[in-house]
Amino acid sequence: MMFSVEGKSIVITGGGGVLGRAMARALVNGGAEVALLGRTRSVLDEAVSEINRSDGKEVNKKINKNIRSGDAIAVRCNVLDESSCRTARETVIKQFGKVDALINAAGGASPEASTGTEQLQEGDLDSEVRTILDVPYDEFRKISDLNSLGTYLPMTIFLPDLINSKNGSIINISSMGADRPLTKSPAYSAGKAAVDNLTKWMAVYLAKTGVRVNAIAPGFFLTKQNRFLLTDKETGDISPRGRKILDNTPQGRFGSPEDLVSTVLWLLADASCFVTGIVVPVDGGFGAFGGV
């Protein structure tokens, strides 16, 4: 199998989230052992239990009897705390003995770090409309740091292990908002722009070590972090903003977590040894569409 992850030990931050969980499931079914890192132990335990269920592995065996299914473990970790990251690393090494790959999927947005409208209009500063001046500095820093520093810190903590792997690979989860800032989301967009830049910087810096660094920029996927923007809180229907996004996505739908799996497998596999420093959009054509 060209894009195999069998036998690899992989760490996923934000592993209990919708996207992290889907990636972990695919990697375990591909024969990797996966450590799901996150802040909430109960969420991680639920994800690990789901991933390690025997019926999922039986499906994998029917698809390819030559692949040994891996296992998933839960490791509590705050990606903004150096001590927490180091403790998580020790747990992973004790369990797996090595780390071959790191996926930085921790991140997100929040209503408190968002504006109420896409553009500032005359009179907004004197009205109840939530403007950029109503975004608390601490909240802006929290979201910006979660996406940028929360990517940088795990990379530095696990870097010695990735170098020792000889074929180490890092995938950072970026966003369409990194290249084209998303309206209403200044802190999130700034944080993800930093992820893209850091990905390319680290790719150059680590090129001689054998560690590859790439990023995936998902289009619009419904997650816990962005549901408040894309759906109506009361009815659950697509919000005007969500409809605008779908109208500008040629495939006309939101992405599903499974849409990321093939790109993840490609970037993690040893067969991609000459691929580093790129940001891969998985967006249903959103980035290619000119709007007319």
C-alpha atoms as a PDB file:
ATOM      1  CA  MET A   1       0.000   0.000   0.000  1.00  0.00           C
ATOM      2  CA  MET A   2       1.666   3.236  -1.163  1.00  0.00           C
ATOM      3  CA  PHE A   3       0.219   5.610   1.430  1.00  0.00           C
ATOM      4  CA  SER A   4       0.537   3.369   4.473  1.00  0.00           C
ATOM      5  CA  VAL A   5       0.651   4.463   8.115  1.00  0.00           C
ATOM      6  CA  GLU A   6       0.882   0.943   9.511  1.00  0.00           C
ATOM      7  CA  GLY A   7       3.193   0.755  12.508  1.00  0.00           C
ATOM      8  CA  LYS A   8       3.443   4.523  12.945  1.00  0.00           C
ATOM      9  CA  SER A   9       2.950   6.242  16.302  1.00  0.00           C
ATOM     10  CA  ILE A  10       0.945   9.424  15.812  1.00  0.00           C
ATOM     11  CA  VAL A  11      -0.060  12.246  18.154  1.00  0.00           C
ATOM     12  CA  ILE A  12      -3.169  14.341  17.448  1.00  0.00           C
ATOM     13  CA  THR A  13      -3.850  17.493  19.453  1.00  0.00           C
ATOM     14  CA  GLY A  14      -7.509  18.407  19.612  1.00  0.00           C
ATOM     15  CA  GLY A  15      -8.072  14.684  19.227  1.00  0.00           C
ATOM     16  CA  GLY A  16     -11.499  14.724  20.840  1.00  0.00           C
ATOM     17  CA  GLY A  17     -12.917  17.173  18.305  1.00  0.00           C
ATOM     18  CA  VAL A  18     -14.923  16.307  15.226  1.00  0.00           C
ATOM     19  CA  LEU A  19     -12.006  16.532  12.797  1.00  0.00           C
ATOM     20  CA  GLY A  20      -9.382  15.078  15.135  1.00  0.00           C
ATOM     21  CA  ARG A  21     -11.571  12.106  15.948  1.00  0.00           C
ATOM     22  CA  ALA A  22     -12.227  11.306  12.284  1.00  0.00           C
ATOM     23  CA  MET A  23      -8.523  11.440  11.468  1.00  0.00           C
ATOM     24  CA  ALA A  24      -7.672   9.258  14.456  1.00  0.00           C
ATOM     25  CA  ARG A  25     -10.251   6.660  13.458  1.00  0.00           C
ATOM     26  CA  ALA A  26      -8.841   6.397   9.938  1.00  0.00           C
ATOM     27  CA  LEU A  27      -5.260   6.166  11.180  1.00  0.00           C
ATOM     28  CA  VAL A  28      -6.060   3.431  13.701  1.00  0.00           C
ATOM     29  CA  ASN A  29      -7.903   1.496  11.011  1.00  0.00           C
ATOM     30  CA  GLY A  30      -4.794   1.920   8.864  1.00  0.00           C
ATOM     31  CA  GLY A  31      -2.615   0.228  11.465  1.00  0.00           C
ATOM     32  CA  ALA A  32      -1.242   3.209  13.396  1.00  0.00           C
ATOM     33  CA  GLU A  33      -1.231   3.695  17.140  1.00  0.00           C
ATOM     34  CA  VAL A  34      -2.672   7.095  17.954  1.00  0.00           C
ATOM     35  CA  ALA A  35      -2.564   9.321  21.033  1.00  0.00           C
ATOM     36  CA  LEU A  36      -5.501  11.717  21.238  1.00  0.00           C
ATOM     37  CA  LEU A  37      -4.536  14.846  23.178  1.00  0.00           C
ATOM     38  CA  GLY A  38      -7.066  17.290  24.580  1.00  0.00           C
ATOM     39  CA  ARG A  39      -8.174  19.235  27.644  1.00  0.00           C
ATOM     40  CA  THR A  40     -11.316  17.310  28.587  1.00  0.00           C
ATOM     41  CA  ARG A  41     -10.653  13.741  29.674  1.00  0.00           C
ATOM     42  CA  SER A  42     -14.266  12.589  29.365  1.00  0.00           C
ATOM     43  CA  VAL A  43     -14.416  13.720  25.728  1.00  0.00           C
ATOM     44  CA  LEU A  44     -11.136  11.956  24.955  1.00  0.00           C
ATOM     45  CA  ASP A  45     -12.251   8.756  26.668  1.00  0.00           C
ATOM     46  CA  GLU A  46     -15.460   8.755  24.645  1.00  0.00           C
ATOM     47  CA  ALA A  47     -13.499   9.231  21.418  1.00  0.00           C
ATOM     48  CA  VAL A  48     -11.005   6.486  22.258  1.00  0.00           C
ATOM     49  CA  SER A  49     -13.787   4.074  23.198  1.00  0.00           C
ATOM     50  CA  GLU A  50     -15.528   4.746  19.892  1.00  0.00           C
ATOM     51  CA  ILE A  51     -12.326   4.353  17.863  1.00  0.00           C
ATOM     52  CA  ASN A  52     -11.213   1.177  19.602  1.00  0.00           C
ATOM     53  CA  ARG A  53     -14.551  -0.608  19.233  1.00  0.00           C
ATOM     54  CA  SER A  54     -14.060  -4.032  17.741  1.00  0.00           C
ATOM     55  CA  ASP A  55     -16.714  -3.559  15.041  1.00  0.00           C
ATOM     56  CA  GLY A  56     -14.735  -0.735  13.444  1.00  0.00           C
ATOM     57  CA  LYS A  57     -11.648  -2.908  13.322  1.00  0.00           C
ATOM     58  CA  GLU A  58     -13.634  -5.789  11.853  1.00  0.00           C
ATOM     59  CA  VAL A  59     -14.694  -3.514   9.003  1.00  0.00           C
ATOM     60  CA  ASN A  60     -11.038  -2.702   8.405  1.00  0.00           C
ATOM     61  CA  LYS A  61     -10.096  -6.383   8.322  1.00  0.00           C
ATOM     62  CA  LYS A  62     -12.706  -7.044   5.665  1.00  0.00           C
ATOM     63  CA  ILE A  63     -11.294  -4.237   3.518  1.00  0.00           C
ATOM     64  CA  ASN A  64      -7.648  -5.285   3.776  1.00  0.00           C
ATOM     65  CA  LYS A  65      -6.726  -8.402   5.734  1.00  0.00           C
ATOM     66  CA  ASN A  66      -3.029  -7.541   5.511  1.00  0.00           C
ATOM     67  CA  ILE A  67      -3.345  -4.409   7.651  1.00  0.00           C
ATOM     68  CA  ARG A  68      -3.154  -4.763  11.431  1.00  0.00           C
ATOM     69  CA  SER A  69      -5.474  -2.316  13.160  1.00  0.00           C
ATOM     70  CA  GLY A  70      -3.792  -0.053  15.674  1.00  0.00           C
ATOM     71  CA  ASP A  71      -5.016   1.361  18.959  1.00  0.00           C
ATOM     72  CA  ALA A  72      -5.900   4.765  20.369  1.00  0.00           C
ATOM     73  CA  ILE A  73      -5.135   6.203  23.798  1.00  0.00           C
ATOM     74  CA  ALA A  74      -6.360   9.346  25.565  1.00  0.00           C
ATOM     75  CA  VAL A  75      -3.854  11.827  27.000  1.00  0.00           C
ATOM     76  CA  ARG A  76      -4.945  15.002  28.760  1.00  0.00           C
ATOM     77  CA  CYS A  77      -3.060  18.059  27.491  1.00  0.00           C
ATOM     78  CA  ASN A  78      -3.401  21.838  27.354  1.00  0.00           C
ATOM     79  CA  VAL A  79      -1.566  22.912  24.196  1.00  0.00           C
ATOM     80  CA  LEU A  80      -1.007  26.386  25.652  1.00  0.00           C
ATOM     81  CA  ASP A  81       0.830  25.070  28.710  1.00  0.00           C
ATOM     82  CA  GLU A  82       4.436  23.927  28.297  1.00  0.00           C
ATOM     83  CA  SER A  83       4.429  21.741  31.404  1.00  0.00           C
ATOM     84  CA  SER A  84       1.207  20.042  30.312  1.00  0.00           C
ATOM     85  CA  CYS A  85       2.654  19.354  26.854  1.00  0.00           C
ATOM     86  CA  ARG A  86       5.833  17.873  28.331  1.00  0.00           C
ATOM     87  CA  THR A  87       3.842  15.628  30.645  1.00  0.00           C
ATOM     88  CA  ALA A  88       1.705  14.485  27.710  1.00  0.00           C
ATOM     89  CA  ARG A  89       4.840  13.687  25.713  1.00  0.00           C
ATOM     90  CA  GLU A  90       6.202  11.566  28.567  1.00  0.00           C
ATOM     91  CA  THR A  91       2.932   9.638  28.678  1.00  0.00           C
ATOM     92  CA  VAL A  92       2.978   9.010  24.930  1.00  0.00           C
ATOM     93  CA  ILE A  93       6.622   7.877  24.927  1.00  0.00           C
ATOM     94  CA  LYS A  94       5.985   5.581  27.889  1.00  0.00           C
ATOM     95  CA  GLN A  95       3.069   4.005  26.032  1.00  0.00           C
ATOM     96  CA  PHE A  96       4.378   3.940  22.445  1.00  0.00           C
ATOM     97  CA  GLY A  97       8.143   4.313  22.820  1.00  0.00           C
ATOM     98  CA  LYS A  98       8.316   6.722  19.877  1.00  0.00           C
ATOM     99  CA  VAL A  99       6.504   9.421  17.918  1.00  0.00           C
ATOM    100  CA  ASP A 100       6.550   9.333  14.116  1.00  0.00           C
ATOM    101  CA  ALA A 101       4.034  12.053  13.355  1.00  0.00           C
ATOM    102  CA  LEU A 102       2.191  14.974  14.910  1.00  0.00           C
ATOM    103  CA  ILE A 103      -1.123  16.421  13.773  1.00  0.00           C
ATOM    104  CA  ASN A 104      -1.963  19.797  15.302  1.00  0.00           C
ATOM    105  CA  ALA A 105      -5.751  19.884  15.173  1.00  0.00           C
ATOM    106  CA  ALA A 106      -6.342  21.942  18.330  1.00  0.00           C
ATOM    107  CA  GLY A 107      -7.813  25.344  17.568  1.00  0.00           C
ATOM    108  CA  GLY A 108     -11.071  27.160  17.101  1.00  0.00           C
ATOM    109  CA  ALA A 109     -13.043  30.388  17.278  1.00  0.00           C
ATOM    110  CA  SER A 110     -15.486  31.905  19.760  1.00  0.00           C
ATOM    111  CA  PRO A 111     -18.398  34.382  19.707  1.00  0.00           C
ATOM    112  CA  GLU A 112     -16.551  36.594  22.206  1.00  0.00           C
ATOM    113  CA  ALA A 113     -13.664  37.067  19.738  1.00  0.00           C
ATOM    114  CA  SER A 114     -15.984  37.809  16.810  1.00  0.00           C
ATOM    115  CA  THR A 115     -17.725  40.920  15.507  1.00  0.00           C
ATOM    116  CA  GLY A 116     -21.468  41.120  15.001  1.00  0.00           C
ATOM    117  CA  THR A 117     -21.319  42.295  11.389  1.00  0.00           C
ATOM    118  CA  GLU A 118     -19.073  41.765   8.397  1.00  0.00           C
ATOM    119  CA  GLN A 119     -18.339  45.465   7.897  1.00  0.00           C
ATOM    120  CA  LEU A 120     -18.417  48.516  10.132  1.00  0.00           C
ATOM    121  CA  GLN A 121     -21.204  50.901   9.152  1.00  0.00           C
ATOM    122  CA  GLU A 122     -21.688  54.548  10.026  1.00  0.00           C
ATOM    123  CA  GLY A 123     -23.244  54.803  13.454  1.00  0.00           C
ATOM    124  CA  ASP A 124     -22.254  51.293  14.585  1.00  0.00           C
ATOM    125  CA  LEU A 125     -19.885  52.607  17.254  1.00  0.00           C
ATOM    126  CA  ASP A 126     -22.810  54.383  18.920  1.00  0.00           C
ATOM    127  CA  SER A 127     -25.192  51.431  18.637  1.00  0.00           C
ATOM    128  CA  GLU A 128     -25.560  48.004  20.228  1.00  0.00           C
ATOM    129  CA  VAL A 129     -23.888  46.337  17.240  1.00  0.00           C
ATOM    130  CA  ARG A 130     -20.872  44.309  18.357  1.00  0.00           C
ATOM    131  CA  THR A 131     -17.826  45.927  16.735  1.00  0.00           C
ATOM    132  CA  ILE A 132     -14.109  45.193  16.844  1.00  0.00           C
ATOM    133  CA  LEU A 133     -13.918  47.597  19.812  1.00  0.00           C
ATOM    134  CA  ASP A 134     -16.175  45.236  21.770  1.00  0.00           C
ATOM    135  CA  VAL A 135     -13.818  42.276  21.371  1.00  0.00           C
ATOM    136  CA  PRO A 136     -11.884  42.066  24.669  1.00  0.00           C
ATOM    137  CA  TYR A 137      -8.119  42.036  24.236  1.00  0.00           C
ATOM    138  CA  ASP A 138      -7.833  38.941  26.426  1.00  0.00           C
ATOM    139  CA  GLU A 139     -10.384  37.089  24.291  1.00  0.00           C
ATOM    140  CA  PHE A 140      -8.587  38.069  21.087  1.00  0.00           C
ATOM    141  CA  ARG A 141      -5.322  36.835  22.582  1.00  0.00           C
ATOM    142  CA  LYS A 142      -6.946  33.613  23.783  1.00  0.00           C
ATOM    143  CA  ILE A 143      -8.200  32.622  20.317  1.00  0.00           C
ATOM    144  CA  SER A 144      -5.128  33.859  18.469  1.00  0.00           C
ATOM    145  CA  ASP A 145      -2.844  31.968  20.869  1.00  0.00           C
ATOM    146  CA  LEU A 146      -4.961  28.806  20.737  1.00  0.00           C
ATOM    147  CA  ASN A 147      -4.469  28.596  16.987  1.00  0.00           C
ATOM    148  CA  SER A 148      -0.872  29.847  16.706  1.00  0.00           C
ATOM    149  CA  LEU A 149       0.961  29.138  19.968  1.00  0.00           C
ATOM    150  CA  GLY A 150      -1.163  26.000  20.370  1.00  0.00           C
ATOM    151  CA  THR A 151       0.436  24.765  17.142  1.00  0.00           C
ATOM    152  CA  TYR A 152       3.972  25.981  17.857  1.00  0.00           C
ATOM    153  CA  LEU A 153       4.308  24.520  21.361  1.00  0.00           C
ATOM    154  CA  PRO A 154       3.494  20.862  20.526  1.00  0.00           C
ATOM    155  CA  MET A 155       5.840  21.044  17.522  1.00  0.00           C
ATOM    156  CA  THR A 156       8.755  22.057  19.737  1.00  0.00           C
ATOM    157  CA  ILE A 157       7.937  19.552  22.494  1.00  0.00           C
ATOM    158  CA  PHE A 158       7.693  16.544  20.159  1.00  0.00           C
ATOM    159  CA  LEU A 159      10.436  17.662  17.757  1.00  0.00           C
ATOM    160  CA  PRO A 160      13.284  15.530  19.222  1.00  0.00           C
ATOM    161  CA  ASP A 161      11.123  12.416  18.863  1.00  0.00           C
ATOM    162  CA  LEU A 162      10.150  13.305  15.310  1.00  0.00           C
ATOM    163  CA  ILE A 163      13.809  13.778  14.382  1.00  0.00           C
ATOM    164  CA  ASN A 164      14.668  10.413  15.946  1.00  0.00           C
ATOM    165  CA  SER A 165      11.953   8.844  13.811  1.00  0.00           C
ATOM    166  CA  LYS A 166      14.077   9.589  10.697  1.00  0.00           C
ATOM    167  CA  ASN A 167      10.850  10.023   8.689  1.00  0.00           C
ATOM    168  CA  GLY A 168       8.976  12.401  10.963  1.00  0.00           C
ATOM    169  CA  SER A 169       5.952  14.284   9.671  1.00  0.00           C
ATOM    170  CA  ILE A 170       3.961  17.216  11.031  1.00  0.00           C
ATOM    171  CA  ILE A 171       0.542  18.256   9.753  1.00  0.00           C
ATOM    172  CA  ASN A 172      -0.880  21.542  10.995  1.00  0.00           C
ATOM    173  CA  ILE A 173      -4.586  22.140  10.554  1.00  0.00           C
ATOM    174  CA  SER A 174      -4.939  25.614   9.079  1.00  0.00           C
ATOM    175  CA  SER A 175      -8.021  27.227   7.529  1.00  0.00           C
ATOM    176  CA  MET A 176      -9.333  28.994   4.458  1.00  0.00           C
ATOM    177  CA  GLY A 177      -9.286  32.035   6.735  1.00  0.00           C
ATOM    178  CA  ALA A 178      -5.484  32.052   6.773  1.00  0.00           C
ATOM    179  CA  ASP A 179      -5.169  33.182   3.165  1.00  0.00           C
ATOM    180  CA  ARG A 180      -8.403  35.170   2.913  1.00  0.00           C
ATOM    181  CA  PRO A 181      -9.434  36.516   6.352  1.00  0.00           C
ATOM    182  CA  LEU A 182     -12.932  35.476   7.335  1.00  0.00           C
ATOM    183  CA  THR A 183     -15.312  38.311   8.128  1.00  0.00           C
ATOM    184  CA  LYS A 184     -16.444  38.473  11.771  1.00  0.00           C
ATOM    185  CA  SER A 185     -13.454  36.351  12.899  1.00  0.00           C
ATOM    186  CA  PRO A 186     -10.368  38.575  13.325  1.00  0.00           C
ATOM    187  CA  ALA A 187      -8.605  36.583  16.049  1.00  0.00           C
ATOM    188  CA  TYR A 188      -9.223  33.226  14.386  1.00  0.00           C
ATOM    189  CA  SER A 189      -8.058  34.461  10.986  1.00  0.00           C
ATOM    190  CA  ALA A 190      -4.916  36.021  12.464  1.00  0.00           C
ATOM    191  CA  GLY A 191      -4.097  32.830  14.352  1.00  0.00           C
ATOM    192  CA  LYS A 192      -4.516  30.622  11.299  1.00  0.00           C
ATOM    193  CA  ALA A 193      -2.435  32.986   9.149  1.00  0.00           C
ATOM    194  CA  ALA A 194       0.332  32.447  11.691  1.00  0.00           C
ATOM    195  CA  VAL A 195      -0.101  28.675  11.303  1.00  0.00           C
ATOM    196  CA  ASP A 196       0.506  28.874   7.542  1.00  0.00           C
ATOM    197  CA  ASN A 197       3.583  31.047   7.966  1.00  0.00           C
ATOM    198  CA  LEU A 198       4.982  28.894  10.766  1.00  0.00           C
ATOM    199  CA  THR A 199       4.393  25.734   8.727  1.00  0.00           C
ATOM    200  CA  LYS A 200       6.519  27.045   5.875  1.00  0.00           C
ATOM    201  CA  TRP A 201       9.207  28.391   8.217  1.00  0.00           C
ATOM    202  CA  MET A 202       9.497  25.077  10.064  1.00  0.00           C
ATOM    203  CA  ALA A 203       9.534  23.124   6.796  1.00  0.00           C
ATOM    204  CA  VAL A 204      12.635  25.010   5.675  1.00  0.00           C
ATOM    205  CA  TYR A 205      14.259  24.925   9.097  1.00  0.00           C
ATOM    206  CA  LEU A 206      13.801  21.162   9.530  1.00  0.00           C
ATOM    207  CA  ALA A 207      14.369  20.054   5.937  1.00  0.00           C
ATOM    208  CA  LYS A 208      17.819  18.556   6.606  1.00  0.00           C
ATOM    209  CA  THR A 209      16.555  16.552   9.607  1.00  0.00           C
ATOM    210  CA  GLY A 210      14.114  14.433   7.616  1.00  0.00           C
ATOM    211  CA  VAL A 211      11.098  15.959   9.369  1.00  0.00           C
ATOM    212  CA  ARG A 212       8.483  17.236   6.920  1.00  0.00           C
ATOM    213  CA  VAL A 213       6.042  19.993   7.856  1.00  0.00           C
ATOM    214  CA  ASN A 214       2.838  20.620   5.911  1.00  0.00           C
ATOM    215  CA  ALA A 215      -0.599  22.049   6.559  1.00  0.00           C
ATOM    216  CA  ILE A 216      -4.144  21.262   5.521  1.00  0.00           C
ATOM    217  CA  ALA A 217      -6.570  24.158   5.039  1.00  0.00           C
ATOM    218  CA  PRO A 218     -10.080  22.742   5.415  1.00  0.00           C
ATOM    219  CA  GLY A 219     -12.935  24.575   3.788  1.00  0.00           C
ATOM    220  CA  PHE A 220     -16.100  24.875   5.826  1.00  0.00           C
ATOM    221  CA  PHE A 221     -16.872  21.904   8.053  1.00  0.00           C
ATOM    222  CA  LEU A 222     -19.602  22.049  10.692  1.00  0.00           C
ATOM    223  CA  THR A 223     -17.885  21.758  14.075  1.00  0.00           C
ATOM    224  CA  LYS A 224     -18.652  22.722  17.652  1.00  0.00           C
ATOM    225  CA  GLN A 225     -16.426  25.782  17.312  1.00  0.00           C
ATOM    226  CA  ASN A 226     -18.091  27.302  14.231  1.00  0.00           C
ATOM    227  CA  ARG A 227     -21.671  26.068  14.485  1.00  0.00           C
ATOM    228  CA  PHE A 228     -22.701  29.390  16.053  1.00  0.00           C
ATOM    229  CA  LEU A 229     -21.737  31.126  12.799  1.00  0.00           C
ATOM    230  CA  LEU A 230     -23.094  28.653  10.260  1.00  0.00           C
ATOM    231  CA  THR A 231     -26.446  27.633  11.741  1.00  0.00           C
ATOM    232  CA  ASP A 232     -29.361  29.304  13.498  1.00  0.00           C
ATOM    233  CA  LYS A 233     -29.131  28.734  17.244  1.00  0.00           C
ATOM    234  CA  GLU A 234     -32.882  28.280  17.665  1.00  0.00           C
ATOM    235  CA  THR A 235     -33.874  26.254  14.591  1.00  0.00           C
ATOM    236  CA  GLY A 236     -30.617  24.593  13.559  1.00  0.00           C
ATOM    237  CA  ASP A 237     -31.229  25.744   9.984  1.00  0.00           C
ATOM    238  CA  ILE A 238     -28.418  27.103   7.832  1.00  0.00           C
ATOM    239  CA  SER A 239     -27.765  30.734   8.776  1.00  0.00           C
ATOM    240  CA  PRO A 240     -27.494  33.515   6.161  1.00  0.00           C
ATOM    241  CA  ARG A 241     -23.718  33.321   6.610  1.00  0.00           C
ATOM    242  CA  GLY A 242     -23.802  29.559   6.118  1.00  0.00           C
ATOM    243  CA  ARG A 243     -25.895  29.975   2.967  1.00  0.00           C
ATOM    244  CA  LYS A 244     -23.437  32.553   1.647  1.00  0.00           C
ATOM    245  CA  ILE A 245     -20.602  30.075   2.145  1.00  0.00           C
ATOM    246  CA  LEU A 246     -22.464  27.283   0.366  1.00  0.00           C
ATOM    247  CA  ASP A 247     -23.251  29.620  -2.527  1.00  0.00           C
ATOM    248  CA  ASN A 248     -19.512  30.259  -2.878  1.00  0.00           C
ATOM    249  CA  THR A 249     -18.530  26.595  -2.618  1.00  0.00           C
ATOM    250  CA  PRO A 250     -18.795  25.006  -6.086  1.00  0.00           C
ATOM    251  CA  GLN A 251     -19.635  21.588  -4.632  1.00  0.00           C
ATOM    252  CA  GLY A 252     -22.499  23.220  -2.739  1.00  0.00           C
ATOM    253  CA  ARG A 253     -22.032  21.525   0.628  1.00  0.00           C
ATOM    254  CA  PHE A 254     -20.120  21.676   3.877  1.00  0.00           C
ATOM    255  CA  GLY A 255     -17.243  19.253   4.193  1.00  0.00           C
ATOM    256  CA  SER A 256     -17.529  16.064   6.225  1.00  0.00           C
ATOM    257  CA  PRO A 257     -14.661  15.025   8.530  1.00  0.00           C
ATOM    258  CA  GLU A 258     -13.957  12.015   6.333  1.00  0.00           C
ATOM    259  CA  ASP A 259     -13.123  14.365   3.448  1.00  0.00           C
ATOM    260  CA  LEU A 260      -9.799  15.115   5.156  1.00  0.00           C
ATOM    261  CA  VAL A 261      -8.671  11.518   5.566  1.00  0.00           C
ATOM    262  CA  SER A 262      -7.102  10.887   2.155  1.00  0.00           C
ATOM    263  CA  THR A 263      -4.993  14.054   2.372  1.00  0.00           C
ATOM    264  CA  VAL A 264      -3.850  13.147   5.885  1.00  0.00           C
ATOM    265  CA  LEU A 265      -2.811   9.654   4.779  1.00  0.00           C
ATOM    266  CA  TRP A 266      -0.929  11.091   1.799  1.00  0.00           C
ATOM    267  CA  LEU A 267       1.015  13.640   3.843  1.00  0.00           C
ATOM    268  CA  LEU A 268       1.899  11.195   6.631  1.00  0.00           C
ATOM    269  CA  ALA A 269       3.074   8.354   4.398  1.00  0.00           C
ATOM    270  CA  ASP A 270       6.775   7.802   3.734  1.00  0.00           C
ATOM    271  CA  ALA A 271       5.921   7.827   0.014  1.00  0.00           C
ATOM    272  CA  SER A 272       5.465  11.613   0.369  1.00  0.00           C
ATOM    273  CA  CYS A 273       9.071  12.108   1.502  1.00  0.00           C
ATOM    274  CA  PHE A 274       9.679  14.979  -0.983  1.00  0.00           C
ATOM    275  CA  VAL A 275       6.544  16.899   0.018  1.00  0.00           C
ATOM    276  CA  THR A 276       7.155  19.613   2.606  1.00  0.00           C
ATOM    277  CA  GLY A 277       6.229  23.242   3.183  1.00  0.00           C
ATOM    278  CA  ILE A 278       2.852  23.196   1.439  1.00  0.00           C
ATOM    279  CA  VAL A 279      -0.677  24.112   2.500  1.00  0.00           C
ATOM    280  CA  VAL A 280      -3.267  21.818   0.923  1.00  0.00           C
ATOM    281  CA  PRO A 281      -6.817  23.192   0.578  1.00  0.00           C
ATOM    282  CA  VAL A 282      -9.607  20.670   1.087  1.00  0.00           C
ATOM    283  CA  ASP A 283     -12.504  22.995   0.434  1.00  0.00           C
ATOM    284  CA  GLY A 284     -14.915  21.821  -2.245  1.00  0.00           C
ATOM    285  CA  GLY A 285     -13.571  24.475  -4.599  1.00  0.00           C
ATOM    286  CA  PHE A 286     -14.174  27.466  -2.296  1.00  0.00           C
ATOM    287  CA  GLY A 287     -10.704  28.924  -2.815  1.00  0.00           C
ATOM    288  CA  ALA A 288     -10.899  28.591  -6.594  1.00  0.00           C
ATOM    289  CA  PHE A 289     -14.287  30.270  -7.022  1.00  0.00           C
ATOM    290  CA  GLY A 290     -14.312  33.916  -8.082  1.00  0.00           C
ATOM    291  CA  GLY A 291     -17.931  34.468  -7.065  1.00  0.00           C
ATOM    292  CA  VAL A 292     -19.298  34.856 -10.610  1.00  0.00           C
END
